[in-house]
Protein backbone atom coordinates (compact mmCIF):
# COMPACT_ATOMS: atom_id res chain seq x y z
CA UNK A 1 91.93 235.13 137.22
CA UNK A 2 94.94 235.88 139.40
CA UNK A 3 98.07 233.79 139.40
CA UNK A 4 97.76 230.69 141.62
CA UNK A 5 100.68 230.60 144.03
CA UNK A 6 99.59 227.71 146.25
CA UNK A 7 97.72 224.49 145.57
CA UNK A 8 96.67 222.10 148.30
CA UNK A 9 96.28 218.38 147.70
CA UNK A 10 92.92 218.29 149.48
CA UNK A 11 91.54 220.95 147.15
CA UNK A 12 92.53 218.83 144.16
CA UNK A 13 90.88 215.77 145.71
CA UNK A 14 87.61 217.66 146.13
CA UNK A 15 87.64 219.06 142.59
CA UNK A 16 88.45 215.67 141.03
CA UNK A 17 85.77 213.85 143.05
CA UNK A 18 83.09 215.81 141.18
CA UNK A 19 83.88 213.57 138.20
CA UNK A 20 84.46 210.39 140.19
CA UNK A 21 88.20 210.83 139.73
CA UNK A 22 90.75 209.86 142.35
CA UNK A 23 94.01 211.70 142.94
CA UNK A 24 96.56 208.99 142.16
CA UNK A 25 99.62 210.57 143.74
CA UNK A 26 102.27 212.91 142.48
CA UNK A 27 105.83 214.10 142.89
CA UNK A 28 108.31 216.93 142.30
CA UNK A 29 109.60 216.35 138.78
CA UNK A 30 113.28 215.89 138.08
CA UNK A 31 114.85 216.42 134.66
CA UNK A 32 114.84 212.69 133.85
CA UNK A 33 111.10 212.39 134.53
CA UNK A 34 110.43 213.98 131.12
CA UNK A 35 107.63 216.24 132.33
CA UNK A 36 107.21 219.06 129.79
CA UNK A 37 107.41 222.72 130.71
CA UNK A 38 104.21 224.53 131.60
CA UNK A 39 105.20 227.03 128.93
CA UNK A 40 108.62 227.90 127.47
CA UNK A 41 110.99 228.75 130.31
CA UNK A 42 108.57 227.69 133.06
CA UNK A 43 109.44 224.25 134.48
CA UNK A 44 106.82 222.26 136.40
CA UNK A 45 107.24 222.15 140.17
CA UNK A 46 104.69 219.39 140.77
CA UNK A 47 103.08 216.59 138.75
CA UNK A 48 99.82 215.06 139.93
CA UNK A 49 98.11 212.01 138.38
CA UNK A 50 94.35 211.47 138.25
CA UNK A 51 92.39 208.37 137.42
CA UNK A 52 89.81 205.91 138.60
CA UNK A 53 89.75 203.35 141.39
CA UNK A 54 87.31 200.65 140.43
CA UNK A 55 84.33 202.13 138.58
CA UNK A 56 84.51 205.47 140.38
CA UNK A 57 84.24 207.44 137.12
CA UNK A 58 81.51 205.36 135.55
CA UNK A 59 78.50 207.35 136.76
CA UNK A 60 79.92 210.67 135.56
CA UNK A 61 81.33 209.29 132.31
CA UNK A 62 78.30 207.21 131.32
CA UNK A 63 76.07 210.30 131.75
CA UNK A 64 78.35 212.47 129.59
CA UNK A 65 77.81 213.74 126.06
CA UNK A 66 80.96 211.90 124.96
CA UNK A 67 79.43 208.58 126.02
CA UNK A 68 76.10 209.35 124.37
CA UNK A 69 77.26 210.73 121.01
CA UNK A 70 78.55 207.36 119.70
CA UNK A 71 81.65 208.98 118.21
CA UNK A 72 85.08 207.31 118.51
CA UNK A 73 87.18 207.38 121.69
CA UNK A 74 84.51 208.57 124.13
CA UNK A 75 86.54 207.97 127.30
CA UNK A 76 89.61 209.73 125.93
CA UNK A 77 87.51 212.69 124.83
CA UNK A 78 85.81 212.86 128.24
CA UNK A 79 89.19 212.64 129.98
CA UNK A 80 90.55 215.42 127.78
CA UNK A 81 87.62 217.74 128.52
CA UNK A 82 87.75 217.11 132.25
CA UNK A 83 91.54 217.22 132.44
CA UNK A 84 91.70 220.51 130.58
CA UNK A 85 88.99 222.02 132.81
CA UNK A 86 90.79 221.03 136.02
CA UNK A 87 94.16 222.17 134.68
CA UNK A 88 92.70 225.55 133.73
CA UNK A 89 91.20 225.91 137.20
CA UNK A 90 94.65 225.49 138.75
CA UNK A 91 96.66 227.11 135.91
CA UNK A 92 98.46 223.86 135.19
CA UNK A 93 99.26 221.94 132.03
CA UNK A 94 97.14 218.84 131.27
CA UNK A 95 98.99 215.76 130.03
CA UNK A 96 97.35 212.61 128.66
CA UNK A 97 98.38 208.98 128.07
CA UNK A 98 96.87 209.16 124.56
CA UNK A 99 96.98 211.50 121.60
CA UNK A 100 100.72 211.32 121.02
CA UNK A 101 103.34 211.71 119.85
CA UNK A 102 104.84 212.80 122.09
CA UNK A 103 103.91 209.86 124.31
CA UNK A 104 104.29 210.70 127.96
CA UNK A 105 105.80 208.00 130.26
CA UNK A 106 102.70 207.46 132.38
CA UNK A 107 103.78 204.04 133.60
CA UNK A 108 107.03 205.48 134.92
CA UNK A 109 105.19 208.43 136.46
CA UNK A 110 102.70 206.08 138.14
CA UNK A 111 105.49 203.94 139.53
CA UNK A 112 107.12 207.02 141.01
CA UNK A 113 103.86 208.54 142.30
CA UNK A 114 102.42 205.41 143.90
CA UNK A 115 105.32 202.96 144.04
CA UNK A 116 103.51 200.43 141.83
CA UNK A 117 104.98 197.50 139.94
CA UNK A 118 103.88 195.54 136.88
CA UNK A 119 101.66 192.51 137.36
CA UNK A 120 102.04 189.22 135.49
CA UNK A 121 99.52 190.59 132.98
CA UNK A 122 101.67 193.66 132.31
CA UNK A 123 99.37 196.28 133.82
CA UNK A 124 100.32 197.90 137.11
CA UNK A 125 98.97 196.20 140.22
CA UNK A 126 97.91 198.32 143.19
CA UNK A 127 98.07 197.05 146.81
CA UNK A 128 94.48 198.17 147.42
CA UNK A 129 92.81 198.32 143.99
CA UNK A 130 94.50 195.28 142.44
CA UNK A 131 94.17 195.52 138.65
CA UNK A 132 90.99 197.60 138.87
CA UNK A 133 92.32 201.09 138.34
CA UNK A 134 93.58 203.37 135.58
CA UNK A 135 95.22 206.74 134.95
CA UNK A 136 93.23 209.19 132.86
CA UNK A 137 95.51 212.26 132.86
CA UNK A 138 98.12 214.20 134.78
CA UNK A 139 98.48 217.89 135.53
CA UNK A 140 101.85 219.65 135.68
CA UNK A 141 101.72 222.60 138.07
CA UNK A 142 103.83 225.78 138.00
CA UNK A 143 103.82 225.75 141.81
CA UNK A 144 104.36 223.17 144.50
CA UNK A 145 101.32 221.17 145.52
CA UNK A 146 101.18 220.93 149.28
CA UNK A 147 100.71 217.48 150.77
CA UNK A 148 102.34 215.40 148.02
CA UNK A 149 104.51 212.52 149.14
CA UNK A 150 106.50 210.35 146.75
CA UNK A 151 105.80 206.70 147.54
CA UNK A 152 108.30 203.93 148.12
CA UNK A 153 107.89 200.75 146.06
CA UNK A 154 104.82 198.82 147.19
CA UNK A 155 104.96 195.02 147.67
CA UNK A 156 103.88 193.20 144.51
CA UNK A 157 101.06 190.79 145.25
CA UNK A 158 102.11 188.60 142.30
CA UNK A 159 105.31 187.62 144.12
CA UNK A 160 103.34 185.81 146.84
CA UNK A 161 100.73 184.32 144.48
CA UNK A 162 101.67 180.73 143.67
CA UNK A 163 98.35 179.77 142.04
CA UNK A 164 98.71 182.33 139.21
CA UNK A 165 95.01 182.13 138.21
CA UNK A 166 95.45 185.05 135.81
CA UNK A 167 97.75 182.98 133.58
CA UNK A 168 95.54 179.90 133.45
CA UNK A 169 92.19 181.52 132.68
CA UNK A 170 92.58 183.02 129.20
CA UNK A 171 91.11 180.61 126.61
CA UNK A 172 93.97 181.27 124.17
CA UNK A 173 96.74 181.68 126.78
CA UNK A 174 97.41 185.22 125.59
CA UNK A 175 99.43 185.94 128.74
CA UNK A 176 102.59 184.08 129.71
CA UNK A 177 103.68 186.27 132.61
CA UNK A 178 105.95 188.42 130.47
CA UNK A 179 104.17 189.05 127.18
CA UNK A 180 100.64 189.68 125.94
CA UNK A 181 99.65 188.07 122.63
CA UNK A 182 97.26 190.75 121.38
CA UNK A 183 96.68 189.05 118.03
CA UNK A 184 95.50 185.79 119.61
CA UNK A 185 93.21 187.68 121.97
CA UNK A 186 91.60 189.65 119.16
CA UNK A 187 91.26 186.62 116.87
CA UNK A 188 89.46 184.70 119.60
CA UNK A 189 87.07 187.57 120.26
CA UNK A 190 86.40 187.88 116.55
CA UNK A 191 85.62 184.18 116.09
CA UNK A 192 83.67 183.77 119.33
CA UNK A 193 81.14 186.66 119.49
CA UNK A 194 79.28 185.04 122.42
CA UNK A 195 82.39 184.38 124.52
CA UNK A 196 82.30 185.74 128.09
CA UNK A 197 85.54 187.60 127.27
CA UNK A 198 83.42 190.22 125.52
CA UNK A 199 82.00 191.14 128.92
CA UNK A 200 85.40 191.57 130.53
CA UNK A 201 88.90 190.09 130.35
CA UNK A 202 88.83 186.69 132.10
CA UNK A 203 92.51 186.84 133.00
CA UNK A 204 92.11 190.20 134.68
CA UNK A 205 88.99 188.99 136.47
CA UNK A 206 90.80 185.94 137.83
CA UNK A 207 93.22 188.03 139.89
CA UNK A 208 92.17 187.80 143.56
CA UNK A 209 93.54 191.23 144.48
CA UNK A 210 91.32 194.28 144.91
CA UNK A 211 88.07 192.37 144.60
CA UNK A 212 86.09 195.19 146.18
CA UNK A 213 87.12 197.47 143.32
CA UNK A 214 86.21 195.11 140.48
CA UNK A 215 84.72 197.05 137.56
CA UNK A 216 80.97 197.10 137.18
CA UNK A 217 79.79 194.74 134.43
CA UNK A 218 78.94 197.54 132.02
CA UNK A 219 82.28 199.25 132.69
CA UNK A 220 84.27 196.06 132.03
CA UNK A 221 82.24 195.35 128.86
CA UNK A 222 82.83 198.91 127.64
CA UNK A 223 86.61 198.47 127.80
CA UNK A 224 86.51 195.14 125.98
CA UNK A 225 84.33 196.63 123.26
CA UNK A 226 86.75 199.55 122.84
CA UNK A 227 89.70 197.15 122.69
CA UNK A 228 87.96 195.03 120.06
CA UNK A 229 86.98 198.01 117.90
CA UNK A 230 90.50 199.46 118.08
CA UNK A 231 92.04 196.16 116.99
CA UNK A 232 89.53 195.76 114.17
CA UNK A 233 90.43 199.21 112.87
CA UNK A 234 94.13 198.33 112.93
CA UNK A 235 93.85 194.81 111.51
CA UNK A 236 90.79 194.97 109.29
CA UNK A 237 87.67 192.77 109.40
């Protein structure tokens, strides 16, 4: 394979769409963005983030060997395989929001790439997708990606939402607009195995933004199951 000297944004979009992934923006890294070198002495000239909008990845992921093998962390393992394959195709360096240390500042990268801000639940809120999106990996490129545009800060829907349904829906009031009480959330799930929370976070579902991108039922339930299992491993039965 020859050295890739040019990468076009549209080519990345097409390659990512094979897996249901969406190109989630990117930028030209500065020193304080903490993007690692491609290899020693080779700084990255572009960083591009990839993830899902709504359940865009669900069809590809749920048909994967990682989903079927019942081993731990299926979505992270799928993301790693796909991210490494795409990075190899474009001679970039794959970077993930898991598997650290080091822990890469994905929230800061996302805010710079798409101009997003934190919602009252803590997760980033998107002007189109609402809370129904995620970042699965980033790729640092040794060349400039054509067509990238750093985004200005987007308006935060929470600032014009007076009803705040997200804060009044959780049965244990795990969210107060600034903090998330993980222990109370997990304890409730543990003691209420039939609670609708097991099928998807009620607070997240109460947000009126991005309704058209709401996760499919099985996708939402998958994330709650993974959250519950992770907490049980950390805290014990």
